[in-house]
């Protein structure tokens, strides 16, 4: 039976990956869980527990081989593969995502943008063409699209989901302000920007809050 990893652990993995990448850039070849904890503001025991879910990566008295651990977490996160993405919604958020170069460095390749606005259709964002939304079904048939990024109003997002499902998309990165109902074999990551901002508002107004460490 495959071991289930908690969502809290999964959400910390990208942070480990980012910090380890910074260490590599600074020429640091090994690090203890104690030193890593001081950089990340996560307890050393939490780091060891998190990483032990996936194997034994450190040695007592030596610590972690930074480059080896970086590569292992890269594999765990699936960043040893490349993914084809489309953006549905070519407005400000969609264009900002298309312009963000670090996605491509991580293996996330945008291959198309779709919108209903005739003023946007035909434009290119960093070489990525904005297509009429009516062309989406045909585009999905002709291309292997792994992830659809939704940056459109919630009502439109709900209407577009059957096309995504029919087109064989495997994952949805959802910036629309709605929780989508999709088949269980399609993975969804919801990004509710207003929820995040309201969480920040809570932290500003409540001194006693604590960040979750599970």
N, C-alpha and C. Protein backbone atom coordinates (compact mmCIF):
# COMPACT_ATOMS: atom_id res chain seq x y z
N UNK A 1 0.85 -1.20 0.00
CA UNK A 1 0.00 0.00 0.00
C UNK A 1 0.88 1.25 0.00
N UNK A 2 0.59 2.17 -0.90
CA UNK A 2 1.40 3.37 -1.01
C UNK A 2 1.17 4.28 0.19
N UNK A 3 2.27 4.80 0.73
CA UNK A 3 2.19 5.68 1.90
C UNK A 3 1.57 7.01 1.51
N UNK A 4 0.60 7.49 2.32
CA UNK A 4 -0.03 8.77 2.06
C UNK A 4 0.76 9.86 2.76
N UNK A 5 1.08 10.91 2.01
CA UNK A 5 1.83 12.03 2.54
C UNK A 5 0.86 13.17 2.82
N UNK A 6 0.99 13.81 3.97
CA UNK A 6 0.07 14.88 4.33
C UNK A 6 0.26 16.08 3.42
N UNK A 7 -0.82 16.85 3.24
CA UNK A 7 -0.78 18.04 2.39
C UNK A 7 0.20 19.07 2.95
N UNK A 8 0.31 19.14 4.28
CA UNK A 8 1.25 20.10 4.89
C UNK A 8 2.69 19.80 4.47
N UNK A 9 3.05 18.52 4.41
CA UNK A 9 4.39 18.13 3.98
C UNK A 9 4.59 18.46 2.51
N UNK A 10 3.61 18.14 1.68
CA UNK A 10 3.72 18.40 0.25
C UNK A 10 3.91 19.89 -0.02
N UNK A 11 3.20 20.73 0.74
CA UNK A 11 3.30 22.17 0.54
C UNK A 11 4.65 22.72 0.97
N UNK A 12 5.36 22.00 1.84
CA UNK A 12 6.70 22.46 2.24
C UNK A 12 7.79 22.04 1.25
N UNK A 13 7.54 21.03 0.44
CA UNK A 13 8.57 20.55 -0.48
C UNK A 13 9.08 21.62 -1.43
N UNK A 14 8.21 22.45 -2.05
CA UNK A 14 8.74 23.50 -2.92
C UNK A 14 9.63 24.49 -2.18
N UNK A 15 9.35 24.73 -0.91
CA UNK A 15 10.22 25.62 -0.12
C UNK A 15 11.60 25.00 0.05
N UNK A 16 11.63 23.71 0.39
CA UNK A 16 12.93 23.02 0.50
C UNK A 16 13.69 23.14 -0.81
N UNK A 17 12.98 22.89 -1.90
CA UNK A 17 13.61 22.92 -3.22
C UNK A 17 14.19 24.30 -3.52
N UNK A 18 13.44 25.33 -3.20
CA UNK A 18 13.89 26.71 -3.45
C UNK A 18 15.10 27.06 -2.60
N UNK A 19 15.05 26.72 -1.31
CA UNK A 19 16.18 27.05 -0.43
C UNK A 19 17.44 26.27 -0.80
N UNK A 20 17.25 25.00 -1.16
CA UNK A 20 18.41 24.19 -1.57
C UNK A 20 19.02 24.74 -2.85
N UNK A 21 18.17 25.22 -3.77
CA UNK A 21 18.69 25.84 -4.98
C UNK A 21 19.53 27.06 -4.67
N UNK A 22 19.08 27.86 -3.70
CA UNK A 22 19.86 29.04 -3.29
C UNK A 22 21.21 28.62 -2.70
N UNK A 23 21.20 27.54 -1.92
CA UNK A 23 22.45 27.05 -1.33
C UNK A 23 23.44 26.61 -2.40
N UNK A 24 22.93 25.93 -3.42
CA UNK A 24 23.79 25.48 -4.53
C UNK A 24 24.40 26.68 -5.23
N UNK A 25 23.58 27.71 -5.48
CA UNK A 25 24.08 28.92 -6.14
C UNK A 25 25.17 29.60 -5.32
N UNK A 26 25.11 29.43 -3.99
CA UNK A 26 26.11 30.04 -3.12
C UNK A 26 27.28 29.12 -2.80
N UNK A 27 27.33 27.97 -3.50
CA UNK A 27 28.47 27.07 -3.36
C UNK A 27 28.49 26.22 -2.12
N UNK A 28 27.35 26.10 -1.43
CA UNK A 28 27.28 25.28 -0.21
C UNK A 28 26.95 23.85 -0.60
N UNK A 29 27.82 22.92 -0.20
CA UNK A 29 27.67 21.54 -0.65
C UNK A 29 26.98 20.64 0.35
N UNK A 30 27.03 20.99 1.62
CA UNK A 30 26.32 20.18 2.61
C UNK A 30 25.78 21.09 3.70
N UNK A 31 24.72 20.61 4.36
CA UNK A 31 24.09 21.42 5.40
C UNK A 31 23.39 20.49 6.39
N UNK A 32 23.41 20.87 7.64
CA UNK A 32 22.72 20.10 8.67
C UNK A 32 21.26 20.52 8.73
N UNK A 33 20.42 19.67 9.32
CA UNK A 33 19.01 20.03 9.47
C UNK A 33 18.88 21.25 10.37
N UNK A 34 19.80 21.41 11.34
CA UNK A 34 19.76 22.56 12.23
C UNK A 34 20.02 23.86 11.46
N UNK A 35 21.04 23.85 10.62
CA UNK A 35 21.36 25.06 9.84
C UNK A 35 20.25 25.36 8.82
N UNK A 36 19.70 24.31 8.22
CA UNK A 36 18.62 24.51 7.27
C UNK A 36 17.38 25.06 7.97
N UNK A 37 17.13 24.59 9.19
CA UNK A 37 15.97 25.05 9.94
C UNK A 37 16.06 26.54 10.26
N UNK A 38 17.28 27.00 10.55
CA UNK A 38 17.46 28.43 10.86
C UNK A 38 17.20 29.30 9.63
N UNK A 39 17.53 28.78 8.45
CA UNK A 39 17.29 29.55 7.22
C UNK A 39 15.80 29.57 6.85
N UNK A 40 15.11 28.46 7.13
CA UNK A 40 13.75 28.31 6.65
C UNK A 40 12.69 28.62 7.70
N UNK A 41 13.11 28.77 8.96
CA UNK A 41 12.17 28.97 10.07
C UNK A 41 11.22 27.78 10.22
N UNK A 42 11.77 26.60 10.03
CA UNK A 42 11.08 25.34 10.28
C UNK A 42 11.98 24.55 11.22
N UNK A 43 11.41 23.85 12.20
CA UNK A 43 12.25 23.14 13.16
C UNK A 43 13.05 22.04 12.48
N UNK A 44 14.23 21.74 13.05
CA UNK A 44 15.08 20.69 12.50
C UNK A 44 14.37 19.34 12.52
N UNK A 45 13.62 19.07 13.59
CA UNK A 45 12.90 17.80 13.68
C UNK A 45 11.82 17.71 12.60
N UNK A 46 11.18 18.86 12.29
CA UNK A 46 10.17 18.87 11.24
C UNK A 46 10.78 18.56 9.88
N UNK A 47 11.96 19.13 9.63
CA UNK A 47 12.66 18.86 8.36
C UNK A 47 12.97 17.38 8.24
N UNK A 48 13.51 16.80 9.32
CA UNK A 48 13.86 15.37 9.28
C UNK A 48 12.62 14.51 9.08
N UNK A 49 11.53 14.84 9.78
CA UNK A 49 10.29 14.08 9.62
C UNK A 49 9.76 14.18 8.20
N UNK A 50 9.77 15.40 7.66
CA UNK A 50 9.27 15.59 6.29
C UNK A 50 10.05 14.74 5.30
N UNK A 51 11.37 14.83 5.36
CA UNK A 51 12.21 14.14 4.38
C UNK A 51 12.20 12.64 4.58
N UNK A 52 12.01 12.18 5.82
CA UNK A 52 11.97 10.74 6.08
C UNK A 52 10.74 10.07 5.46
N UNK A 53 9.75 10.88 5.06
CA UNK A 53 8.60 10.32 4.35
C UNK A 53 9.00 9.75 3.00
N UNK A 54 10.13 10.20 2.48
CA UNK A 54 10.54 9.84 1.12
C UNK A 54 11.84 9.04 1.07
N UNK A 55 12.49 8.85 2.20
CA UNK A 55 13.73 8.09 2.22
C UNK A 55 14.72 8.69 3.21
N UNK A 56 15.89 8.08 3.29
CA UNK A 56 16.93 8.58 4.19
C UNK A 56 17.95 9.36 3.36
N UNK A 57 17.93 10.67 3.50
CA UNK A 57 18.78 11.52 2.68
C UNK A 57 19.96 12.11 3.43
N UNK A 58 19.93 12.07 4.75
CA UNK A 58 21.00 12.67 5.55
C UNK A 58 21.80 11.63 6.31
N UNK A 59 22.96 12.04 6.77
CA UNK A 59 23.81 11.17 7.59
C UNK A 59 24.15 11.89 8.89
N UNK A 60 24.02 11.18 10.00
CA UNK A 60 24.32 11.79 11.30
C UNK A 60 25.79 12.22 11.34
N UNK A 61 25.99 13.46 11.75
CA UNK A 61 27.35 14.00 11.81
C UNK A 61 27.82 14.61 10.51
N UNK A 62 27.06 14.38 9.43
CA UNK A 62 27.44 14.93 8.12
C UNK A 62 26.39 15.92 7.61
N UNK A 63 25.13 15.57 7.85
CA UNK A 63 24.05 16.42 7.34
C UNK A 63 23.59 15.96 5.98
N UNK A 64 23.13 16.89 5.18
CA UNK A 64 22.59 16.59 3.86
C UNK A 64 23.54 17.05 2.76
N UNK A 65 23.71 16.19 1.77
CA UNK A 65 24.38 16.59 0.54
C UNK A 65 23.38 17.46 -0.23
N UNK A 66 23.69 18.75 -0.33
CA UNK A 66 22.73 19.72 -0.84
C UNK A 66 22.29 19.39 -2.26
N UNK A 67 23.24 19.11 -3.13
CA UNK A 67 22.91 18.86 -4.53
C UNK A 67 22.11 17.57 -4.69
N UNK A 68 22.49 16.54 -3.92
CA UNK A 68 21.77 15.27 -3.98
C UNK A 68 20.33 15.44 -3.50
N UNK A 69 20.17 16.15 -2.37
CA UNK A 69 18.83 16.36 -1.84
C UNK A 69 17.98 17.21 -2.78
N UNK A 70 18.60 18.20 -3.39
CA UNK A 70 17.92 19.05 -4.37
C UNK A 70 17.38 18.20 -5.53
N UNK A 71 18.22 17.30 -6.05
CA UNK A 71 17.81 16.44 -7.16
C UNK A 71 16.71 15.46 -6.74
N UNK A 72 16.79 14.95 -5.50
CA UNK A 72 15.78 14.03 -5.01
C UNK A 72 14.42 14.72 -4.90
N UNK A 73 14.41 15.93 -4.35
CA UNK A 73 13.15 16.66 -4.21
C UNK A 73 12.62 17.06 -5.59
N UNK A 74 13.51 17.36 -6.50
CA UNK A 74 13.10 17.65 -7.88
C UNK A 74 12.33 16.46 -8.46
N UNK A 75 12.84 15.25 -8.24
CA UNK A 75 12.17 14.05 -8.73
C UNK A 75 10.85 13.83 -8.02
N UNK A 76 10.81 14.05 -6.70
CA UNK A 76 9.59 13.86 -5.92
C UNK A 76 8.50 14.80 -6.42
N UNK A 77 8.87 16.03 -6.74
CA UNK A 77 7.91 17.02 -7.22
C UNK A 77 7.54 16.84 -8.68
N UNK A 78 8.19 15.90 -9.35
CA UNK A 78 7.90 15.66 -10.76
C UNK A 78 8.52 16.69 -11.68
N UNK A 79 9.54 17.40 -11.20
CA UNK A 79 10.17 18.45 -12.01
C UNK A 79 11.26 17.90 -12.92
N UNK A 80 11.40 16.58 -12.94
CA UNK A 80 12.30 15.94 -13.90
C UNK A 80 11.59 15.70 -15.24
N UNK A 81 10.34 16.16 -15.34
CA UNK A 81 9.56 16.04 -16.56
C UNK A 81 9.27 17.44 -17.10
N UNK A 82 8.72 17.51 -18.31
CA UNK A 82 8.23 18.78 -18.84
C UNK A 82 6.72 18.68 -19.03
N UNK A 83 6.05 19.80 -18.89
CA UNK A 83 4.59 19.84 -18.97
C UNK A 83 4.16 20.91 -19.97
N UNK A 84 3.16 20.59 -20.77
CA UNK A 84 2.55 21.57 -21.67
C UNK A 84 1.34 22.19 -20.98
N UNK A 85 1.30 23.53 -20.97
CA UNK A 85 0.22 24.26 -20.33
C UNK A 85 -0.47 25.18 -21.32
N UNK A 86 -1.76 25.39 -21.09
CA UNK A 86 -2.49 26.45 -21.79
C UNK A 86 -3.10 27.36 -20.74
N UNK A 87 -3.29 28.63 -21.11
CA UNK A 87 -3.96 29.59 -20.24
C UNK A 87 -5.31 29.90 -20.86
N UNK A 88 -6.38 29.78 -20.08
CA UNK A 88 -7.71 30.13 -20.56
C UNK A 88 -8.12 31.39 -19.81
N UNK A 89 -8.07 32.50 -20.53
CA UNK A 89 -8.29 33.82 -19.94
C UNK A 89 -7.04 34.66 -20.16
N UNK A 90 -7.05 35.49 -21.21
CA UNK A 90 -5.85 36.23 -21.60
C UNK A 90 -5.78 37.64 -21.03
N UNK A 91 -6.43 37.87 -19.90
CA UNK A 91 -6.39 39.18 -19.26
C UNK A 91 -5.12 39.40 -18.49
N UNK A 92 -5.18 40.28 -17.49
CA UNK A 92 -3.97 40.68 -16.76
C UNK A 92 -3.27 39.52 -16.08
N UNK A 93 -4.02 38.67 -15.38
CA UNK A 93 -3.40 37.54 -14.66
C UNK A 93 -2.81 36.55 -15.66
N UNK A 94 -3.57 36.22 -16.69
CA UNK A 94 -3.09 35.27 -17.69
C UNK A 94 -1.82 35.76 -18.37
N UNK A 95 -1.79 37.05 -18.72
CA UNK A 95 -0.60 37.61 -19.37
C UNK A 95 0.59 37.64 -18.42
N UNK A 96 0.33 37.95 -17.16
CA UNK A 96 1.42 37.98 -16.18
C UNK A 96 2.04 36.59 -16.02
N UNK A 97 1.21 35.55 -15.98
CA UNK A 97 1.71 34.19 -15.86
C UNK A 97 2.52 33.79 -17.10
N UNK A 98 2.02 34.16 -18.28
CA UNK A 98 2.72 33.83 -19.52
C UNK A 98 4.08 34.51 -19.58
N UNK A 99 4.20 35.68 -18.97
CA UNK A 99 5.45 36.45 -19.01
C UNK A 99 6.47 36.00 -17.97
N UNK A 100 6.06 35.14 -17.05
CA UNK A 100 6.95 34.75 -15.95
C UNK A 100 7.91 33.64 -16.41
N UNK A 101 9.16 33.99 -16.60
CA UNK A 101 10.14 33.10 -17.22
C UNK A 101 10.47 31.87 -16.37
N UNK A 102 10.35 31.98 -15.04
CA UNK A 102 10.77 30.87 -14.17
C UNK A 102 9.94 29.60 -14.37
N UNK A 103 8.71 29.74 -14.86
CA UNK A 103 7.92 28.54 -15.13
C UNK A 103 8.61 27.66 -16.16
N UNK A 104 9.10 28.26 -17.22
CA UNK A 104 9.77 27.50 -18.27
C UNK A 104 11.05 26.86 -17.74
N UNK A 105 11.76 27.54 -16.87
CA UNK A 105 12.97 26.98 -16.28
C UNK A 105 12.68 25.74 -15.45
N UNK A 106 11.47 25.66 -14.93
CA UNK A 106 11.06 24.51 -14.12
C UNK A 106 10.42 23.41 -14.96
N UNK A 107 10.31 23.63 -16.29
CA UNK A 107 9.74 22.60 -17.14
C UNK A 107 8.28 22.78 -17.48
N UNK A 108 7.72 23.96 -17.15
CA UNK A 108 6.32 24.24 -17.46
C UNK A 108 6.26 25.14 -18.69
N UNK A 109 5.85 24.58 -19.81
CA UNK A 109 5.89 25.29 -21.10
C UNK A 109 4.49 25.70 -21.53
N UNK A 110 4.24 27.00 -21.63
CA UNK A 110 2.97 27.49 -22.13
C UNK A 110 2.96 27.40 -23.66
N UNK A 111 1.92 26.78 -24.19
CA UNK A 111 1.86 26.58 -25.64
C UNK A 111 0.65 27.26 -26.28
N UNK A 112 -0.19 27.90 -25.49
CA UNK A 112 -1.34 28.59 -26.06
C UNK A 112 -2.12 29.34 -25.00
N UNK A 113 -2.75 30.43 -25.42
CA UNK A 113 -3.63 31.22 -24.55
C UNK A 113 -4.95 31.38 -25.29
N UNK A 114 -6.06 31.37 -24.54
CA UNK A 114 -7.39 31.44 -25.16
C UNK A 114 -8.23 32.51 -24.48
N UNK A 115 -9.01 33.23 -25.29
CA UNK A 115 -9.84 34.29 -24.75
C UNK A 115 -11.02 34.54 -25.70
N UNK A 116 -12.01 35.29 -25.20
CA UNK A 116 -13.17 35.64 -26.02
C UNK A 116 -13.06 37.07 -26.55
N UNK A 117 -12.14 37.84 -26.03
CA UNK A 117 -12.03 39.26 -26.39
C UNK A 117 -11.37 39.42 -27.75
N UNK A 118 -12.09 39.94 -28.75
CA UNK A 118 -11.50 40.07 -30.09
C UNK A 118 -10.28 41.00 -30.14
N UNK A 119 -10.16 41.91 -29.15
CA UNK A 119 -9.00 42.80 -29.11
C UNK A 119 -7.73 42.06 -28.70
N UNK A 120 -7.90 40.93 -28.01
CA UNK A 120 -6.74 40.15 -27.57
C UNK A 120 -6.37 39.05 -28.57
N UNK A 121 -7.36 38.52 -29.25
CA UNK A 121 -7.13 37.38 -30.16
C UNK A 121 -6.16 37.79 -31.28
N UNK A 122 -5.13 36.96 -31.45
CA UNK A 122 -4.10 37.23 -32.46
C UNK A 122 -2.85 37.86 -31.88
N UNK A 123 -2.96 38.41 -30.66
CA UNK A 123 -1.77 38.94 -30.00
C UNK A 123 -0.85 37.79 -29.59
N UNK A 124 0.41 38.11 -29.33
CA UNK A 124 1.33 37.12 -28.77
C UNK A 124 1.94 37.68 -27.50
N UNK A 125 2.07 36.82 -26.51
CA UNK A 125 2.70 37.15 -25.24
C UNK A 125 3.94 36.29 -25.11
N UNK A 126 5.09 36.91 -25.21
CA UNK A 126 6.37 36.18 -25.17
C UNK A 126 6.37 35.01 -26.16
N UNK A 127 5.83 35.28 -27.35
CA UNK A 127 5.81 34.28 -28.41
C UNK A 127 4.65 33.29 -28.34
N UNK A 128 3.76 33.46 -27.36
CA UNK A 128 2.62 32.55 -27.19
C UNK A 128 1.38 33.24 -27.74
N UNK A 129 0.75 32.63 -28.71
CA UNK A 129 -0.40 33.27 -29.37
C UNK A 129 -1.66 33.15 -28.53
N UNK A 130 -2.48 34.22 -28.59
CA UNK A 130 -3.80 34.20 -27.97
C UNK A 130 -4.82 33.81 -29.04
N UNK A 131 -5.51 32.67 -28.81
CA UNK A 131 -6.47 32.13 -29.76
C UNK A 131 -7.90 32.43 -29.31
N UNK A 132 -8.80 32.39 -30.27
CA UNK A 132 -10.23 32.47 -29.97
C UNK A 132 -10.61 31.22 -29.16
N UNK A 133 -11.42 31.41 -28.11
CA UNK A 133 -11.81 30.30 -27.25
C UNK A 133 -12.51 29.20 -28.04
N UNK A 134 -13.15 29.56 -29.17
CA UNK A 134 -13.84 28.56 -29.99
C UNK A 134 -12.87 27.52 -30.57
N UNK A 135 -11.59 27.86 -30.62
CA UNK A 135 -10.60 26.94 -31.17
C UNK A 135 -10.04 25.97 -30.12
N UNK A 136 -10.50 26.12 -28.87
CA UNK A 136 -9.96 25.29 -27.79
C UNK A 136 -10.14 23.79 -28.01
N UNK A 137 -11.35 23.30 -28.36
CA UNK A 137 -11.50 21.85 -28.55
C UNK A 137 -10.54 21.28 -29.60
N UNK A 138 -10.41 21.98 -30.73
CA UNK A 138 -9.51 21.50 -31.78
C UNK A 138 -8.06 21.53 -31.30
N UNK A 139 -7.67 22.58 -30.59
CA UNK A 139 -6.31 22.68 -30.08
C UNK A 139 -6.00 21.53 -29.14
N UNK A 140 -6.95 21.18 -28.29
CA UNK A 140 -6.75 20.07 -27.35
C UNK A 140 -6.62 18.74 -28.08
N UNK A 141 -7.35 18.59 -29.20
CA UNK A 141 -7.24 17.35 -29.98
C UNK A 141 -5.87 17.23 -30.65
N UNK A 142 -5.32 18.37 -31.08
CA UNK A 142 -4.08 18.36 -31.85
C UNK A 142 -2.83 18.40 -30.97
N UNK A 143 -2.97 18.79 -29.72
CA UNK A 143 -1.81 18.96 -28.84
C UNK A 143 -1.99 18.19 -27.54
N UNK A 144 -0.88 17.74 -27.01
CA UNK A 144 -0.89 17.06 -25.71
C UNK A 144 -0.78 18.12 -24.62
N UNK A 145 -1.91 18.46 -24.02
CA UNK A 145 -1.94 19.49 -22.98
C UNK A 145 -2.05 18.82 -21.61
N UNK A 146 -1.07 19.04 -20.78
CA UNK A 146 -1.08 18.44 -19.44
C UNK A 146 -1.88 19.26 -18.44
N UNK A 147 -1.73 20.58 -18.49
CA UNK A 147 -2.32 21.46 -17.47
C UNK A 147 -3.04 22.62 -18.13
N UNK A 148 -4.25 22.90 -17.66
CA UNK A 148 -4.99 24.10 -18.07
C UNK A 148 -4.98 25.08 -16.91
N UNK A 149 -4.59 26.31 -17.22
CA UNK A 149 -4.57 27.38 -16.21
C UNK A 149 -5.79 28.26 -16.45
N UNK A 150 -6.67 28.34 -15.47
CA UNK A 150 -7.91 29.09 -15.61
C UNK A 150 -7.78 30.44 -14.93
N UNK A 151 -7.85 31.51 -15.73
CA UNK A 151 -7.78 32.86 -15.19
C UNK A 151 -8.95 33.68 -15.75
N UNK A 152 -10.13 33.14 -15.61
CA UNK A 152 -11.32 33.75 -16.18
C UNK A 152 -12.41 33.79 -15.12
N UNK A 153 -13.48 34.58 -15.32
CA UNK A 153 -14.55 34.67 -14.33
C UNK A 153 -15.15 33.31 -14.01
N UNK A 154 -15.69 33.18 -12.79
CA UNK A 154 -16.11 31.86 -12.31
C UNK A 154 -17.19 31.22 -13.17
N UNK A 155 -18.14 31.99 -13.67
CA UNK A 155 -19.19 31.41 -14.51
C UNK A 155 -18.62 30.83 -15.80
N UNK A 156 -17.66 31.55 -16.38
CA UNK A 156 -17.01 31.05 -17.59
C UNK A 156 -16.16 29.82 -17.30
N UNK A 157 -15.54 29.80 -16.11
CA UNK A 157 -14.71 28.65 -15.73
C UNK A 157 -15.56 27.39 -15.63
N UNK A 158 -16.74 27.52 -15.06
CA UNK A 158 -17.64 26.38 -14.93
C UNK A 158 -18.06 25.88 -16.31
N UNK A 159 -18.34 26.80 -17.23
CA UNK A 159 -18.78 26.40 -18.59
C UNK A 159 -17.66 25.75 -19.39
N UNK A 160 -16.42 26.12 -19.11
CA UNK A 160 -15.31 25.63 -19.91
C UNK A 160 -14.82 24.25 -19.45
N UNK A 161 -15.18 23.85 -18.23
CA UNK A 161 -14.63 22.60 -17.69
C UNK A 161 -14.99 21.35 -18.49
N UNK A 162 -16.20 21.22 -19.06
CA UNK A 162 -16.47 20.02 -19.87
C UNK A 162 -15.54 19.90 -21.07
N UNK A 163 -15.16 21.03 -21.67
CA UNK A 163 -14.23 21.00 -22.81
C UNK A 163 -12.86 20.53 -22.36
N UNK A 164 -12.42 20.98 -21.20
CA UNK A 164 -11.13 20.57 -20.64
C UNK A 164 -11.12 19.07 -20.38
N UNK A 165 -12.19 18.59 -19.77
CA UNK A 165 -12.30 17.15 -19.46
C UNK A 165 -12.27 16.33 -20.74
N UNK A 166 -13.07 16.74 -21.71
CA UNK A 166 -13.15 16.02 -22.99
C UNK A 166 -11.82 16.06 -23.72
N UNK A 167 -11.05 17.13 -23.52
CA UNK A 167 -9.77 17.28 -24.22
C UNK A 167 -8.61 16.54 -23.59
N UNK A 168 -8.85 15.85 -22.49
CA UNK A 168 -7.81 15.01 -21.91
C UNK A 168 -6.80 15.73 -21.03
N UNK A 169 -7.15 16.93 -20.57
CA UNK A 169 -6.25 17.67 -19.67
C UNK A 169 -6.13 16.90 -18.34
N UNK A 170 -4.92 16.83 -17.83
CA UNK A 170 -4.67 16.02 -16.63
C UNK A 170 -4.71 16.82 -15.33
N UNK A 171 -4.45 18.14 -15.43
CA UNK A 171 -4.42 18.97 -14.23
C UNK A 171 -4.95 20.35 -14.52
N UNK A 172 -5.52 20.98 -13.49
CA UNK A 172 -6.06 22.34 -13.62
C UNK A 172 -5.47 23.21 -12.51
N UNK A 173 -4.89 24.33 -12.94
CA UNK A 173 -4.41 25.35 -12.00
C UNK A 173 -5.46 26.45 -12.06
N UNK A 174 -6.28 26.54 -11.01
CA UNK A 174 -7.50 27.32 -11.06
C UNK A 174 -7.38 28.64 -10.30
N UNK A 175 -7.31 29.75 -11.04
CA UNK A 175 -7.30 31.08 -10.45
C UNK A 175 -8.71 31.69 -10.42
N UNK A 176 -9.68 30.99 -10.98
CA UNK A 176 -11.05 31.50 -10.98
C UNK A 176 -11.65 31.34 -9.59
N UNK A 177 -12.49 32.28 -9.22
CA UNK A 177 -13.01 32.30 -7.85
C UNK A 177 -14.18 31.34 -7.69
N UNK A 178 -13.90 30.06 -7.95
CA UNK A 178 -14.92 29.03 -7.82
C UNK A 178 -14.23 27.69 -7.62
N UNK A 179 -14.81 26.84 -6.78
CA UNK A 179 -14.30 25.49 -6.59
C UNK A 179 -14.95 24.58 -7.62
N UNK A 180 -14.15 24.11 -8.56
CA UNK A 180 -14.67 23.34 -9.68
C UNK A 180 -14.94 21.89 -9.30
N UNK A 181 -15.97 21.32 -9.93
CA UNK A 181 -16.26 19.90 -9.75
C UNK A 181 -15.77 19.17 -11.00
N UNK A 182 -14.70 18.41 -10.83
CA UNK A 182 -14.08 17.71 -11.95
C UNK A 182 -13.95 16.23 -11.61
N UNK A 183 -13.79 15.37 -12.61
CA UNK A 183 -13.58 13.94 -12.33
C UNK A 183 -12.37 13.72 -11.43
N UNK A 184 -12.40 12.66 -10.69
CA UNK A 184 -11.36 12.40 -9.69
C UNK A 184 -9.98 12.17 -10.30
N UNK A 185 -9.93 11.84 -11.59
CA UNK A 185 -8.63 11.60 -12.21
C UNK A 185 -7.98 12.89 -12.73
N UNK A 186 -8.64 14.03 -12.56
CA UNK A 186 -8.06 15.33 -12.91
C UNK A 186 -7.65 16.04 -11.63
N UNK A 187 -6.39 16.40 -11.55
CA UNK A 187 -5.85 17.02 -10.34
C UNK A 187 -6.08 18.53 -10.42
N UNK A 188 -6.59 19.12 -9.33
CA UNK A 188 -6.89 20.55 -9.30
C UNK A 188 -6.12 21.22 -8.17
N UNK A 189 -5.50 22.33 -8.48
CA UNK A 189 -4.88 23.19 -7.47
C UNK A 189 -5.57 24.55 -7.57
N UNK A 190 -6.29 24.92 -6.51
CA UNK A 190 -7.02 26.18 -6.50
C UNK A 190 -6.15 27.30 -5.91
N UNK A 191 -6.14 28.43 -6.58
CA UNK A 191 -5.41 29.61 -6.11
C UNK A 191 -6.43 30.74 -5.99
N UNK A 192 -6.94 30.94 -4.78
CA UNK A 192 -7.90 32.01 -4.54
C UNK A 192 -7.15 33.22 -3.99
N UNK A 193 -6.91 34.20 -4.83
CA UNK A 193 -6.08 35.34 -4.44
C UNK A 193 -6.72 36.14 -3.31
N UNK A 194 -8.03 36.30 -3.34
CA UNK A 194 -8.68 37.07 -2.28
C UNK A 194 -8.60 36.34 -0.93
N UNK A 195 -8.66 35.00 -0.96
CA UNK A 195 -8.51 34.23 0.27
C UNK A 195 -7.14 34.48 0.89
N UNK A 196 -6.11 34.48 0.04
CA UNK A 196 -4.75 34.72 0.52
C UNK A 196 -4.62 36.12 1.11
N UNK A 197 -5.23 37.11 0.46
CA UNK A 197 -5.16 38.48 0.95
C UNK A 197 -5.92 38.63 2.27
N UNK A 198 -7.06 37.95 2.40
CA UNK A 198 -7.81 38.00 3.65
C UNK A 198 -7.05 37.31 4.78
N UNK A 199 -6.31 36.25 4.45
CA UNK A 199 -5.46 35.60 5.45
C UNK A 199 -4.40 36.56 5.95
N UNK A 200 -3.79 37.31 5.01
CA UNK A 200 -2.82 38.33 5.39
C UNK A 200 -3.47 39.38 6.30
N UNK A 201 -4.69 39.78 5.97
CA UNK A 201 -5.43 40.75 6.79
C UNK A 201 -5.62 40.23 8.21
N UNK A 202 -5.95 38.94 8.32
CA UNK A 202 -6.10 38.35 9.65
C UNK A 202 -4.80 38.42 10.44
N UNK A 203 -3.70 38.08 9.79
CA UNK A 203 -2.40 38.09 10.47
C UNK A 203 -2.02 39.50 10.92
N UNK A 204 -2.38 40.50 10.10
CA UNK A 204 -2.07 41.89 10.46
C UNK A 204 -2.85 42.32 11.70
N UNK A 205 -4.01 41.72 11.91
CA UNK A 205 -4.89 42.16 12.98
C UNK A 205 -4.95 41.21 14.17
N UNK A 206 -4.16 40.15 14.15
CA UNK A 206 -4.15 39.18 15.25
C UNK A 206 -2.72 38.78 15.56
N UNK A 207 -2.19 39.33 16.63
CA UNK A 207 -0.79 39.09 16.97
C UNK A 207 -0.53 37.66 17.42
N UNK A 208 -1.56 36.98 17.88
CA UNK A 208 -1.34 35.66 18.48
C UNK A 208 -1.38 34.50 17.52
N UNK A 209 -1.48 34.77 16.21
CA UNK A 209 -1.59 33.65 15.27
C UNK A 209 -0.26 32.92 15.20
N UNK A 210 -0.29 31.66 14.82
CA UNK A 210 0.93 30.87 14.60
C UNK A 210 0.83 30.20 13.24
N UNK A 211 1.94 30.16 12.52
CA UNK A 211 1.97 29.42 11.25
C UNK A 211 1.88 27.93 11.55
N UNK A 212 1.18 27.21 10.69
CA UNK A 212 1.03 25.76 10.88
C UNK A 212 2.36 25.06 10.69
N UNK A 213 2.75 24.24 11.65
CA UNK A 213 3.89 23.34 11.50
C UNK A 213 3.40 21.97 11.92
N UNK A 214 3.18 21.12 10.91
CA UNK A 214 2.60 19.80 11.16
C UNK A 214 3.57 18.72 10.72
